[in-house]
PDB file of all heavy atoms in Angstrom:
ATOM      1  N   ALA A   1      24.050 -23.362   2.110  1.00  0.00           N
ATOM      2  CA  ALA A   1      25.174 -22.958   1.271  1.00  0.00           C
ATOM      3  C   ALA A   1      25.087 -23.675  -0.092  1.00  0.00           C
ATOM      4  O   ALA A   1      25.124 -24.909  -0.149  1.00  0.00           O
ATOM      5  CB  ALA A   1      26.485 -23.288   1.957  1.00  0.00           C
ATOM      6  N   PHE A   2      25.021 -22.908  -1.138  1.00  0.00           N
ATOM      7  CA  PHE A   2      24.947 -23.468  -2.473  1.00  0.00           C
ATOM      8  C   PHE A   2      26.341 -23.906  -2.957  1.00  0.00           C
ATOM      9  O   PHE A   2      27.352 -23.463  -2.429  1.00  0.00           O
ATOM     10  CB  PHE A   2      24.325 -22.443  -3.432  1.00  0.00           C
ATOM     11  CG  PHE A   2      22.829 -22.362  -3.293  1.00  0.00           C
ATOM     12  CD1 PHE A   2      22.242 -21.840  -2.169  1.00  0.00           C
ATOM     13  CD2 PHE A   2      21.998 -22.855  -4.316  1.00  0.00           C
ATOM     14  CE1 PHE A   2      20.856 -21.775  -2.042  1.00  0.00           C
ATOM     15  CE2 PHE A   2      20.618 -22.815  -4.186  1.00  0.00           C
ATOM     16  CZ  PHE A   2      20.041 -22.258  -3.057  1.00  0.00           C
ATOM     17  N   PRO A   3      26.390 -24.812  -3.945  1.00  0.00           N
ATOM     18  CA  PRO A   3      27.690 -25.392  -4.342  1.00  0.00           C
ATOM     19  C   PRO A   3      28.639 -24.364  -4.970  1.00  0.00           C
ATOM     20  O   PRO A   3      28.203 -23.422  -5.613  1.00  0.00           O
ATOM     21  CB  PRO A   3      27.284 -26.458  -5.377  1.00  0.00           C
ATOM     22  CG  PRO A   3      25.920 -26.052  -5.831  1.00  0.00           C
ATOM     23  CD  PRO A   3      25.260 -25.397  -4.691  1.00  0.00           C
ATOM     24  N   ALA A   4      29.915 -24.599  -4.710  1.00  0.00           N
ATOM     25  CA  ALA A   4      30.972 -23.762  -5.295  1.00  0.00           C
ATOM     26  C   ALA A   4      32.027 -24.671  -5.950  1.00  0.00           C
ATOM     27  O   ALA A   4      32.235 -25.790  -5.498  1.00  0.00           O
ATOM     28  CB  ALA A   4      31.648 -22.896  -4.208  1.00  0.00           C
ATOM     29  N   MET A   5      32.662 -24.172  -7.003  1.00  0.00           N
ATOM     30  CA  MET A   5      33.564 -24.972  -7.796  1.00  0.00           C
ATOM     31  C   MET A   5      34.929 -25.193  -7.104  1.00  0.00           C
ATOM     32  O   MET A   5      35.560 -26.202  -7.253  1.00  0.00           O
ATOM     33  CB  MET A   5      33.806 -24.338  -9.166  1.00  0.00           C
ATOM     34  CG  MET A   5      34.598 -25.189 -10.120  1.00  0.00           C
ATOM     35  SD  MET A   5      34.698 -24.465 -11.760  1.00  0.00           S
ATOM     36  CE  MET A   5      35.764 -23.061 -11.471  1.00  0.00           C
ATOM     37  N   LEU A   6      35.413 -24.196  -6.352  1.00  0.00           N
ATOM     38  CA  LEU A   6      36.665 -24.334  -5.652  1.00  0.00           C
ATOM     39  C   LEU A   6      36.559 -23.724  -4.255  1.00  0.00           C
ATOM     40  O   LEU A   6      35.750 -22.819  -4.060  1.00  0.00           O
ATOM     41  CB  LEU A   6      37.835 -23.732  -6.463  1.00  0.00           C
ATOM     42  CG  LEU A   6      37.811 -22.224  -6.744  1.00  0.00           C
ATOM     43  CD1 LEU A   6      38.456 -21.445  -5.632  1.00  0.00           C
ATOM     44  CD2 LEU A   6      38.558 -21.945  -8.055  1.00  0.00           C
ATOM     45  N   PRO A   7      37.339 -24.213  -3.328  1.00  0.00           N
ATOM     46  CA  PRO A   7      37.167 -23.765  -1.919  1.00  0.00           C
ATOM     47  C   PRO A   7      37.765 -22.380  -1.649  1.00  0.00           C
ATOM     48  O   PRO A   7      38.884 -22.093  -2.039  1.00  0.00           O
ATOM     49  CB  PRO A   7      37.943 -24.853  -1.154  1.00  0.00           C
ATOM     50  CG  PRO A   7      38.974 -25.367  -2.103  1.00  0.00           C
ATOM     51  CD  PRO A   7      38.350 -25.308  -3.475  1.00  0.00           C
ATOM     52  N   LYS A   8      37.000 -21.546  -1.001  1.00  0.00           N
ATOM     53  CA  LYS A   8      37.458 -20.290  -0.429  1.00  0.00           C
ATOM     54  C   LYS A   8      36.599 -19.981   0.784  1.00  0.00           C
ATOM     55  O   LYS A   8      35.423 -20.300   0.801  1.00  0.00           O
ATOM     56  CB  LYS A   8      37.363 -19.159  -1.441  1.00  0.00           C
ATOM     57  CG  LYS A   8      38.507 -19.050  -2.439  1.00  0.00           C
ATOM     58  CD  LYS A   8      38.486 -17.754  -3.215  1.00  0.00           C
ATOM     59  CE  LYS A   8      38.880 -16.568  -2.372  1.00  0.00           C
ATOM     60  NZ  LYS A   8      40.303 -16.599  -1.963  1.00  0.00           N
ATOM     61  N   GLY A   9      37.229 -19.373   1.775  1.00  0.00           N
ATOM     62  CA  GLY A   9      36.480 -19.027   2.981  1.00  0.00           C
ATOM     63  C   GLY A   9      35.364 -18.011   2.719  1.00  0.00           C
ATOM     64  O   GLY A   9      34.336 -18.019   3.383  1.00  0.00           O
ATOM     65  N   SER A  10      35.600 -17.150   1.734  1.00  0.00           N
ATOM     66  CA  SER A  10      34.604 -16.151   1.327  1.00  0.00           C
ATOM     67  C   SER A  10      34.608 -16.084  -0.186  1.00  0.00           C
ATOM     68  O   SER A  10      35.656 -15.868  -0.808  1.00  0.00           O
ATOM     69  CB  SER A  10      34.928 -14.808   1.951  1.00  0.00           C
ATOM     70  OG  SER A  10      34.005 -13.805   1.526  1.00  0.00           O
ATOM     71  N   GLU A  11      33.432 -16.204  -0.781  1.00  0.00           N
ATOM     72  CA  GLU A  11      33.311 -16.150  -2.234  1.00  0.00           C
ATOM     73  C   GLU A  11      33.777 -14.778  -2.745  1.00  0.00           C
ATOM     74  O   GLU A  11      33.659 -13.792  -2.044  1.00  0.00           O
ATOM     75  CB  GLU A  11      31.867 -16.441  -2.612  1.00  0.00           C
ATOM     76  CG  GLU A  11      31.544 -16.280  -4.080  1.00  0.00           C
ATOM     77  CD  GLU A  11      30.959 -14.941  -4.383  1.00  0.00           C
ATOM     78  OE1 GLU A  11      30.824 -14.094  -3.491  1.00  0.00           O
ATOM     79  OE2 GLU A  11      30.571 -14.731  -5.579  1.00  0.00           O
ATOM     80  N   THR A  12      34.295 -14.729  -3.954  1.00  0.00           N
ATOM     81  CA  THR A  12      34.848 -13.491  -4.493  1.00  0.00           C
ATOM     82  C   THR A  12      33.827 -12.715  -5.308  1.00  0.00           C
ATOM     83  O   THR A  12      32.834 -13.275  -5.772  1.00  0.00           O
ATOM     84  CB  THR A  12      36.050 -13.764  -5.400  1.00  0.00           C
ATOM     85  OG1 THR A  12      35.611 -14.439  -6.584  1.00  0.00           O
ATOM     86  CG2 THR A  12      37.097 -14.618  -4.677  1.00  0.00           C
ATOM     87  N   HIS A  13      34.123 -11.458  -5.511  1.00  0.00           N
ATOM     88  CA  HIS A  13      33.362 -10.639  -6.433  1.00  0.00           C
ATOM     89  C   HIS A  13      33.603 -11.078  -7.868  1.00  0.00           C
ATOM     90  O   HIS A  13      34.545 -11.852  -8.156  1.00  0.00           O
ATOM     91  CB  HIS A  13      33.763  -9.164  -6.293  1.00  0.00           C
ATOM     92  CG  HIS A  13      33.449  -8.584  -4.971  1.00  0.00           C
ATOM     93  ND1 HIS A  13      34.015  -7.413  -4.501  1.00  0.00           N
ATOM     94  CD2 HIS A  13      32.626  -8.995  -3.968  1.00  0.00           C
ATOM     95  CE1 HIS A  13      33.557  -7.147  -3.284  1.00  0.00           C
ATOM     96  NE2 HIS A  13      32.707  -8.078  -2.926  1.00  0.00           N
ATOM     97  N   GLY A  14      32.772 -10.587  -8.776  1.00  0.00           N
ATOM     98  CA  GLY A  14      32.963 -10.817 -10.190  1.00  0.00           C
ATOM     99  C   GLY A  14      33.373  -9.498 -10.860  1.00  0.00           C
ATOM    100  O   GLY A  14      33.133  -8.423 -10.312  1.00  0.00           O
ATOM    101  N   GLY A  15      34.005  -9.586 -12.034  1.00  0.00           N
ATOM    102  CA  GLY A  15      34.559  -8.406 -12.659  1.00  0.00           C
ATOM    103  C   GLY A  15      33.761  -7.864 -13.812  1.00  0.00           C
ATOM    104  O   GLY A  15      34.150  -6.838 -14.410  1.00  0.00           O
ATOM    105  N   GLU A  16      32.651  -8.508 -14.209  1.00  0.00           N
ATOM    106  CA  GLU A  16      31.909  -8.011 -15.367  1.00  0.00           C
ATOM    107  C   GLU A  16      31.156  -6.717 -15.033  1.00  0.00           C
ATOM    108  O   GLU A  16      31.011  -6.332 -13.875  1.00  0.00           O
ATOM    109  CB  GLU A  16      30.902  -9.057 -15.869  1.00  0.00           C
ATOM    110  CG  GLU A  16      29.784  -9.368 -14.931  1.00  0.00           C
ATOM    111  CD  GLU A  16      30.071 -10.527 -13.989  1.00  0.00           C
ATOM    112  OE1 GLU A  16      31.258 -10.740 -13.703  1.00  0.00           O
ATOM    113  OE2 GLU A  16      29.088 -11.198 -13.551  1.00  0.00           O
ATOM    114  N   ASP A  17      30.720  -6.033 -16.088  1.00  0.00           N
ATOM    115  CA  ASP A  17      29.996  -4.782 -15.918  1.00  0.00           C
ATOM    116  C   ASP A  17      28.700  -4.993 -15.160  1.00  0.00           C
ATOM    117  O   ASP A  17      28.152  -6.104 -15.135  1.00  0.00           O
ATOM    118  CB  ASP A  17      29.679  -4.176 -17.291  1.00  0.00           C
ATOM    119  CG  ASP A  17      30.930  -3.834 -18.089  1.00  0.00           C
ATOM    120  OD1 ASP A  17      32.043  -3.932 -17.525  1.00  0.00           O
ATOM    121  OD2 ASP A  17      30.800  -3.446 -19.277  1.00  0.00           O
ATOM    122  N   VAL A  18      28.206  -3.919 -14.577  1.00  0.00           N
ATOM    123  CA  VAL A  18      26.901  -3.987 -13.875  1.00  0.00           C
ATOM    124  C   VAL A  18      25.906  -3.047 -14.577  1.00  0.00           C
ATOM    125  O   VAL A  18      26.302  -2.085 -15.236  1.00  0.00           O
ATOM    126  CB  VAL A  18      27.030  -3.570 -12.378  1.00  0.00           C
ATOM    127  CG1 VAL A  18      27.892  -4.557 -11.627  1.00  0.00           C
ATOM    128  CG2 VAL A  18      27.584  -2.142 -12.251  1.00  0.00           C
ATOM    129  N   ALA A  19      24.621  -3.358 -14.406  1.00  0.00           N
ATOM    130  CA  ALA A  19      23.602  -2.554 -15.054  1.00  0.00           C
ATOM    131  C   ALA A  19      23.303  -1.265 -14.246  1.00  0.00           C
ATOM    132  O   ALA A  19      23.461  -1.262 -13.041  1.00  0.00           O
ATOM    133  CB  ALA A  19      22.316  -3.384 -15.204  1.00  0.00           C
ATOM    134  N   VAL A  20      22.875  -0.255 -14.965  1.00  0.00           N
ATOM    135  CA  VAL A  20      22.448   1.010 -14.385  1.00  0.00           C
ATOM    136  C   VAL A  20      21.046   1.315 -14.934  1.00  0.00           C
ATOM    137  O   VAL A  20      20.865   1.449 -16.116  1.00  0.00           O
ATOM    138  CB  VAL A  20      23.385   2.164 -14.715  1.00  0.00           C
ATOM    139  CG1 VAL A  20      22.967   3.442 -13.950  1.00  0.00           C
ATOM    140  CG2 VAL A  20      24.832   1.810 -14.359  1.00  0.00           C
ATOM    141  N   TYR A  21      20.068   1.427 -14.049  1.00  0.00           N
ATOM    142  CA  TYR A  21      18.691   1.677 -14.438  1.00  0.00           C
ATOM    143  C   TYR A  21      18.306   3.099 -13.972  1.00  0.00           C
ATOM    144  O   TYR A  21      18.642   3.500 -12.876  1.00  0.00           O
ATOM    145  CB  TYR A  21      17.728   0.712 -13.754  1.00  0.00           C
ATOM    146  CG  TYR A  21      18.090  -0.776 -13.918  1.00  0.00           C
ATOM    147  CD1 TYR A  21      19.070  -1.341 -13.064  1.00  0.00           C
ATOM    148  CD2 TYR A  21      17.492  -1.565 -14.861  1.00  0.00           C
ATOM    149  CE1 TYR A  21      19.409  -2.665 -13.176  1.00  0.00           C
ATOM    150  CE2 TYR A  21      17.845  -2.921 -14.989  1.00  0.00           C
ATOM    151  CZ  TYR A  21      18.795  -3.476 -14.138  1.00  0.00           C
ATOM    152  OH  TYR A  21      19.134  -4.794 -14.267  1.00  0.00           O
ATOM    153  N   ALA A  22      17.652   3.862 -14.866  1.00  0.00           N
ATOM    154  CA  ALA A  22      17.349   5.243 -14.536  1.00  0.00           C
ATOM    155  C   ALA A  22      15.927   5.663 -14.937  1.00  0.00           C
ATOM    156  O   ALA A  22      15.424   5.216 -15.960  1.00  0.00           O
ATOM    157  CB  ALA A  22      18.356   6.191 -15.192  1.00  0.00           C
ATOM    158  N   SER A  23      15.350   6.527 -14.134  1.00  0.00           N
ATOM    159  CA  SER A  23      13.987   6.996 -14.342  1.00  0.00           C
ATOM    160  C   SER A  23      13.903   8.434 -13.817  1.00  0.00           C
ATOM    161  O   SER A  23      14.319   8.707 -12.697  1.00  0.00           O
ATOM    162  CB  SER A  23      12.972   6.113 -13.645  1.00  0.00           C
ATOM    163  OG  SER A  23      11.692   6.654 -13.604  1.00  0.00           O
ATOM    164  N   GLY A  24      13.328   9.359 -14.618  1.00  0.00           N
ATOM    165  CA  GLY A  24      13.180  10.724 -14.176  1.00  0.00           C
ATOM    166  C   GLY A  24      13.976  11.689 -15.041  1.00  0.00           C
ATOM    167  O   GLY A  24      14.428  11.332 -16.112  1.00  0.00           O
ATOM    168  N   PRO A  25      14.178  12.931 -14.565  1.00  0.00           N
ATOM    169  CA  PRO A  25      14.875  13.954 -15.379  1.00  0.00           C
ATOM    170  C   PRO A  25      16.291  13.493 -15.802  1.00  0.00           C
ATOM    171  O   PRO A  25      17.078  13.017 -14.986  1.00  0.00           O
ATOM    172  CB  PRO A  25      14.978  15.133 -14.427  1.00  0.00           C
ATOM    173  CG  PRO A  25      13.790  14.960 -13.500  1.00  0.00           C
ATOM    174  CD  PRO A  25      13.681  13.472 -13.298  1.00  0.00           C
ATOM    175  N   TRP A  26      16.522  13.627 -17.089  1.00  0.00           N
ATOM    176  CA  TRP A  26      17.820  13.316 -17.703  1.00  0.00           C
ATOM    177  C   TRP A  26      18.237  11.852 -17.556  1.00  0.00           C
ATOM    178  O   TRP A  26      19.400  11.518 -17.669  1.00  0.00           O
ATOM    179  CB  TRP A  26      18.909  14.249 -17.149  1.00  0.00           C
ATOM    180  CG  TRP A  26      18.693  15.668 -17.530  1.00  0.00           C
ATOM    181  CD1 TRP A  26      18.107  16.633 -16.762  1.00  0.00           C
ATOM    182  CD2 TRP A  26      18.996  16.284 -18.799  1.00  0.00           C
ATOM    183  NE1 TRP A  26      18.019  17.814 -17.436  1.00  0.00           N
ATOM    184  CE2 TRP A  26      18.585  17.650 -18.706  1.00  0.00           C
ATOM    185  CE3 TRP A  26      19.601  15.840 -19.963  1.00  0.00           C
ATOM    186  CZ2 TRP A  26      18.695  18.534 -19.750  1.00  0.00           C
ATOM    187  CZ3 TRP A  26      19.742  16.757 -21.020  1.00  0.00           C
ATOM    188  CH2 TRP A  26      19.317  18.072 -20.905  1.00  0.00           C
ATOM    189  N   SER A  27      17.233  10.994 -17.307  1.00  0.00           N
ATOM    190  CA  SER A  27      17.552   9.559 -17.197  1.00  0.00           C
ATOM    191  C   SER A  27      18.089   8.968 -18.486  1.00  0.00           C
ATOM    192  O   SER A  27      18.772   7.943 -18.479  1.00  0.00           O
ATOM    193  CB  SER A  27      16.331   8.792 -16.727  1.00  0.00           C
ATOM    194  OG  SER A  27      15.214   9.030 -17.564  1.00  0.00           O
ATOM    195  N   HIS A  28      17.834   9.644 -19.616  1.00  0.00           N
ATOM    196  CA  HIS A  28      18.318   9.118 -20.909  1.00  0.00           C
ATOM    197  C   HIS A  28      19.870   9.250 -20.995  1.00  0.00           C
ATOM    198  O   HIS A  28      20.470   8.619 -21.864  1.00  0.00           O
ATOM    199  CB  HIS A  28      17.714   9.907 -22.089  1.00  0.00           C
ATOM    200  CG  HIS A  28      17.840  11.374 -22.005  1.00  0.00           C
ATOM    201  ND1 HIS A  28      17.037  12.168 -21.192  1.00  0.00           N
ATOM    202  CD2 HIS A  28      18.680  12.239 -22.625  1.00  0.00           C
ATOM    203  CE1 HIS A  28      17.378  13.438 -21.326  1.00  0.00           C
ATOM    204  NE2 HIS A  28      18.390  13.504 -22.186  1.00  0.00           N
ATOM    205  N   LEU A  29      20.473  10.015 -20.097  1.00  0.00           N
ATOM    206  CA  LEU A  29      21.951  10.059 -20.086  1.00  0.00           C
ATOM    207  C   LEU A  29      22.578   8.746 -19.677  1.00  0.00           C
ATOM    208  O   LEU A  29      23.735   8.471 -20.001  1.00  0.00           O
ATOM    209  CB  LEU A  29      22.423  11.141 -19.097  1.00  0.00           C
ATOM    210  CG  LEU A  29      22.058  12.604 -19.420  1.00  0.00           C
ATOM    211  CD1 LEU A  29      22.610  13.504 -18.298  1.00  0.00           C
ATOM    212  CD2 LEU A  29      22.604  13.014 -20.760  1.00  0.00           C
ATOM    213  N   PHE A  30      21.812   7.930 -18.960  1.00  0.00           N
ATOM    214  CA  PHE A  30      22.403   6.727 -18.352  1.00  0.00           C
ATOM    215  C   PHE A  30      22.395   5.501 -19.273  1.00  0.00           C
ATOM    216  O   PHE A  30      22.469   4.368 -18.816  1.00  0.00           O
ATOM    217  CB  PHE A  30      21.636   6.420 -17.050  1.00  0.00           C
ATOM    218  CG  PHE A  30      21.866   7.467 -15.988  1.00  0.00           C
ATOM    219  CD1 PHE A  30      21.105   8.609 -15.963  1.00  0.00           C
ATOM    220  CD2 PHE A  30      22.857   7.283 -15.024  1.00  0.00           C
ATOM    221  CE1 PHE A  30      21.322   9.588 -14.999  1.00  0.00           C
ATOM    222  CE2 PHE A  30      23.075   8.240 -14.050  1.00  0.00           C
ATOM    223  CZ  PHE A  30      22.327   9.427 -14.044  1.00  0.00           C
ATOM    224  N   THR A  31      22.335   5.722 -20.608  1.00  0.00           N
ATOM    225  CA  THR A  31      22.355   4.605 -21.545  1.00  0.00           C
ATOM    226  C   THR A  31      23.774   4.423 -22.106  1.00  0.00           C
ATOM    227  O   THR A  31      24.602   5.310 -22.029  1.00  0.00           O
ATOM    228  CB  THR A  31      21.383   4.878 -22.706  1.00  0.00           C
ATOM    229  OG1 THR A  31      21.688   6.122 -23.311  1.00  0.00           O
ATOM    230  CG2 THR A  31      19.934   4.916 -22.187  1.00  0.00           C
ATOM    231  N   GLY A  32      23.986   3.241 -22.679  1.00  0.00           N
ATOM    232  CA  GLY A  32      25.313   2.967 -23.239  1.00  0.00           C
ATOM    233  C   GLY A  32      26.247   2.304 -22.216  1.00  0.00           C
ATOM    234  O   GLY A  32      25.823   1.852 -21.157  1.00  0.00           O
ATOM    235  N   SER A  33      27.511   2.310 -22.561  1.00  0.00           N
ATOM    236  CA  SER A  33      28.542   1.738 -21.715  1.00  0.00           C
ATOM    237  C   SER A  33      29.480   2.839 -21.279  1.00  0.00           C
ATOM    238  O   SER A  33      29.938   3.603 -22.109  1.00  0.00           O
ATOM    239  CB  SER A  33      29.301   0.620 -22.466  1.00  0.00           C
ATOM    240  OG  SER A  33      30.353   0.097 -21.682  1.00  0.00           O
ATOM    241  N   TYR A  34      29.781   2.896 -19.986  1.00  0.00           N
ATOM    242  CA  TYR A  34      30.632   3.989 -19.483  1.00  0.00           C
ATOM    243  C   TYR A  34      31.356   3.554 -18.220  1.00  0.00           C
ATOM    244  O   TYR A  34      31.049   2.556 -17.600  1.00  0.00           O
ATOM    245  CB  TYR A  34      29.811   5.256 -19.231  1.00  0.00           C
ATOM    246  CG  TYR A  34      28.421   4.989 -18.630  1.00  0.00           C
ATOM    247  CD1 TYR A  34      28.250   4.771 -17.280  1.00  0.00           C
ATOM    248  CD2 TYR A  34      27.312   4.941 -19.437  1.00  0.00           C
ATOM    249  CE1 TYR A  34      27.019   4.528 -16.709  1.00  0.00           C
ATOM    250  CE2 TYR A  34      26.047   4.697 -18.925  1.00  0.00           C
ATOM    251  CZ  TYR A  34      25.893   4.486 -17.575  1.00  0.00           C
ATOM    252  OH  TYR A  34      24.657   4.235 -17.035  1.00  0.00           O
ATOM    253  N   GLU A  35      32.310   4.363 -17.850  1.00  0.00           N
ATOM    254  CA  GLU A  35      33.057   4.141 -16.604  1.00  0.00           C
ATOM    255  C   GLU A  35      32.156   4.414 -15.422  1.00  0.00           C
ATOM    256  O   GLU A  35      31.288   5.338 -15.453  1.00  0.00           O
ATOM    257  CB  GLU A  35      34.294   5.042 -16.541  1.00  0.00           C
ATOM    258  CG  GLU A  35      35.303   4.808 -17.620  1.00  0.00           C
ATOM    259  CD  GLU A  35      36.100   3.559 -17.449  1.00  0.00           C
ATOM    260  OE1 GLU A  35      35.916   2.850 -16.425  1.00  0.00           O
ATOM    261  OE2 GLU A  35      36.917   3.213 -18.342  1.00  0.00           O
ATOM    262  N   GLN A  36      32.322   3.669 -14.347  1.00  0.00           N
ATOM    263  CA  GLN A  36      31.477   3.820 -13.174  1.00  0.00           C
ATOM    264  C   GLN A  36      31.539   5.215 -12.570  1.00  0.00           C
ATOM    265  O   GLN A  36      30.554   5.720 -12.046  1.00  0.00           O
ATOM    266  CB  GLN A  36      31.883   2.758 -12.159  1.00  0.00           C
ATOM    267  CG  GLN A  36      30.903   2.610 -10.990  1.00  0.00           C
ATOM    268  CD  GLN A  36      31.277   1.413 -10.128  1.00  0.00           C
ATOM    269  OE1 GLN A  36      32.462   1.206  -9.801  1.00  0.00           O
ATOM    270  NE2 GLN A  36      30.345   0.634  -9.720  1.00  0.00           N
ATOM    271  N   ASN A  37      32.697   5.852 -12.687  1.00  0.00           N
ATOM    272  CA  ASN A  37      32.877   7.167 -12.050  1.00  0.00           C
ATOM    273  C   ASN A  37      32.086   8.276 -12.747  1.00  0.00           C
ATOM    274  O   ASN A  37      31.985   9.390 -12.240  1.00  0.00           O
ATOM    275  CB  ASN A  37      34.351   7.568 -12.005  1.00  0.00           C
ATOM    276  CG  ASN A  37      34.919   7.819 -13.378  1.00  0.00           C
ATOM    277  OD1 ASN A  37      35.078   6.880 -14.173  1.00  0.00           O
ATOM    278  ND2 ASN A  37      35.205   9.068 -13.691  1.00  0.00           N
ATOM    279  N   VAL A  38      31.502   7.981 -13.930  1.00  0.00           N
ATOM    280  CA  VAL A  38      30.701   8.981 -14.649  1.00  0.00           C
ATOM    281  C   VAL A  38      29.324   9.143 -13.966  1.00  0.00           C
ATOM    282  O   VAL A  38      28.685  10.203 -14.094  1.00  0.00           O
ATOM    283  CB  VAL A  38      30.521   8.563 -16.118  1.00  0.00           C
ATOM    284  CG1 VAL A  38      29.627   9.548 -16.880  1.00  0.00           C
ATOM    285  CG2 VAL A  38      31.892   8.480 -16.781  1.00  0.00           C
ATOM    286  N   ILE A  39      28.881   8.151 -13.241  1.00  0.00           N
ATOM    287  CA  ILE A  39      27.512   8.141 -12.686  1.00  0.00           C
ATOM    288  C   ILE A  39      27.217   9.369 -11.847  1.00  0.00           C
ATOM    289  O   ILE A  39      26.189  10.045 -12.085  1.00  0.00           O
ATOM    290  CB  ILE A  39      27.232   6.842 -11.879  1.00  0.00           C
ATOM    291  CG1 ILE A  39      27.229   5.656 -12.838  1.00  0.00           C
ATOM    292  CG2 ILE A  39      25.942   6.931 -11.120  1.00  0.00           C
ATOM    293  CD1 ILE A  39      27.155   4.300 -12.149  1.00  0.00           C
ATOM    294  N   PRO A  40      28.043   9.773 -10.867  1.00  0.00           N
ATOM    295  CA  PRO A  40      27.684  10.960 -10.037  1.00  0.00           C
ATOM    296  C   PRO A  40      27.687  12.224 -10.857  1.00  0.00           C
ATOM    297  O   PRO A  40      26.939  13.170 -10.557  1.00  0.00           O
ATOM    298  CB  PRO A  40      28.740  10.972  -8.932  1.00  0.00           C
ATOM    299  CG  PRO A  40      29.890  10.212  -9.499  1.00  0.00           C
ATOM    300  CD  PRO A  40      29.302   9.132 -10.365  1.00  0.00           C
ATOM    301  N   HIS A  41      28.524  12.297 -11.899  1.00  0.00           N
ATOM    302  CA  HIS A  41      28.566  13.488 -12.735  1.00  0.00           C
ATOM    303  C   HIS A  41      27.278  13.638 -13.510  1.00  0.00           C
ATOM    304  O   HIS A  41      26.799  14.759 -13.721  1.00  0.00           O
ATOM    305  CB  HIS A  41      29.771  13.421 -13.680  1.00  0.00           C
ATOM    306  CG  HIS A  41      31.088  13.448 -12.941  1.00  0.00           C
ATOM    307  ND1 HIS A  41      31.564  14.582 -12.280  1.00  0.00           N
ATOM    308  CD2 HIS A  41      32.026  12.492 -12.758  1.00  0.00           C
ATOM    309  CE1 HIS A  41      32.724  14.290 -11.746  1.00  0.00           C
ATOM    310  NE2 HIS A  41      33.025  13.029 -12.004  1.00  0.00           N
ATOM    311  N   MET A  42      26.694  12.533 -13.967  1.00  0.00           N
ATOM    312  CA  MET A  42      25.396  12.577 -14.665  1.00  0.00           C
ATOM    313  C   MET A  42      24.285  12.971 -13.713  1.00  0.00           C
ATOM    314  O   MET A  42      23.391  13.740 -14.057  1.00  0.00           O
ATOM    315  CB  MET A  42      25.108  11.252 -15.362  1.00  0.00           C
ATOM    316  CG  MET A  42      26.075  10.971 -16.532  1.00  0.00           C
ATOM    317  SD  MET A  42      25.583   9.585 -17.588  1.00  0.00           S
ATOM    318  CE  MET A  42      25.926   8.168 -16.543  1.00  0.00           C
ATOM    319  N   MET A  43      24.319  12.437 -12.505  1.00  0.00           N
ATOM    320  CA  MET A  43      23.295  12.824 -11.510  1.00  0.00           C
ATOM    321  C   MET A  43      23.429  14.312 -11.152  1.00  0.00           C
ATOM    322  O   MET A  43      22.432  15.020 -10.984  1.00  0.00           O
ATOM    323  CB  MET A  43      23.440  11.941 -10.253  1.00  0.00           C
ATOM    324  CG  MET A  43      23.075  10.476 -10.464  1.00  0.00           C
ATOM    325  SD  MET A  43      22.970   9.478  -8.941  1.00  0.00           S
ATOM    326  CE  MET A  43      24.703   9.440  -8.424  1.00  0.00           C
ATOM    327  N   ALA A  44      24.669  14.779 -11.036  1.00  0.00           N
ATOM    328  CA  ALA A  44      24.921  16.190 -10.705  1.00  0.00           C
ATOM    329  C   ALA A  44      24.454  17.095 -11.845  1.00  0.00           C
ATOM    330  O   ALA A  44      23.910  18.179 -11.613  1.00  0.00           O
ATOM    331  CB  ALA A  44      26.387  16.410 -10.409  1.00  0.00           C
ATOM    332  N   TYR A  45      24.690  16.636 -13.068  1.00  0.00           N
ATOM    333  CA  TYR A  45      24.251  17.415 -14.246  1.00  0.00           C
ATOM    334  C   TYR A  45      22.696  17.592 -14.182  1.00  0.00           C
ATOM    335  O   TYR A  45      22.226  18.696 -14.390  1.00  0.00           O
ATOM    336  CB  TYR A  45      24.646  16.702 -15.515  1.00  0.00           C
ATOM    337  CG  TYR A  45      24.229  17.420 -16.782  1.00  0.00           C
ATOM    338  CD1 TYR A  45      25.023  18.373 -17.349  1.00  0.00           C
ATOM    339  CD2 TYR A  45      22.995  17.113 -17.402  1.00  0.00           C
ATOM    340  CE1 TYR A  45      24.628  19.057 -18.511  1.00  0.00           C
ATOM    341  CE2 TYR A  45      22.611  17.774 -18.548  1.00  0.00           C
ATOM    342  CZ  TYR A  45      23.415  18.757 -19.103  1.00  0.00           C
ATOM    343  OH  TYR A  45      23.015  19.425 -20.231  1.00  0.00           O
ATOM    344  N   ALA A  46      22.043  16.480 -13.906  1.00  0.00           N
ATOM    345  CA  ALA A  46      20.555  16.525 -13.889  1.00  0.00           C
ATOM    346  C   ALA A  46      19.996  17.437 -12.807  1.00  0.00           C
ATOM    347  O   ALA A  46      18.935  18.028 -12.971  1.00  0.00           O
ATOM    348  CB  ALA A  46      20.006  15.104 -13.729  1.00  0.00           C
TER     349      ALA A  46
END
């Protein structure tokens, strides 16, 4: 178990954005900053 700054029984998630990596048809749509719920719509478009 690596060190933690304050005690919790289970470490929490973080709130920062996450990366999206894409390769293949229409993968250029996946650039920029967007809401997470846009991802399936871009896959469906492709």
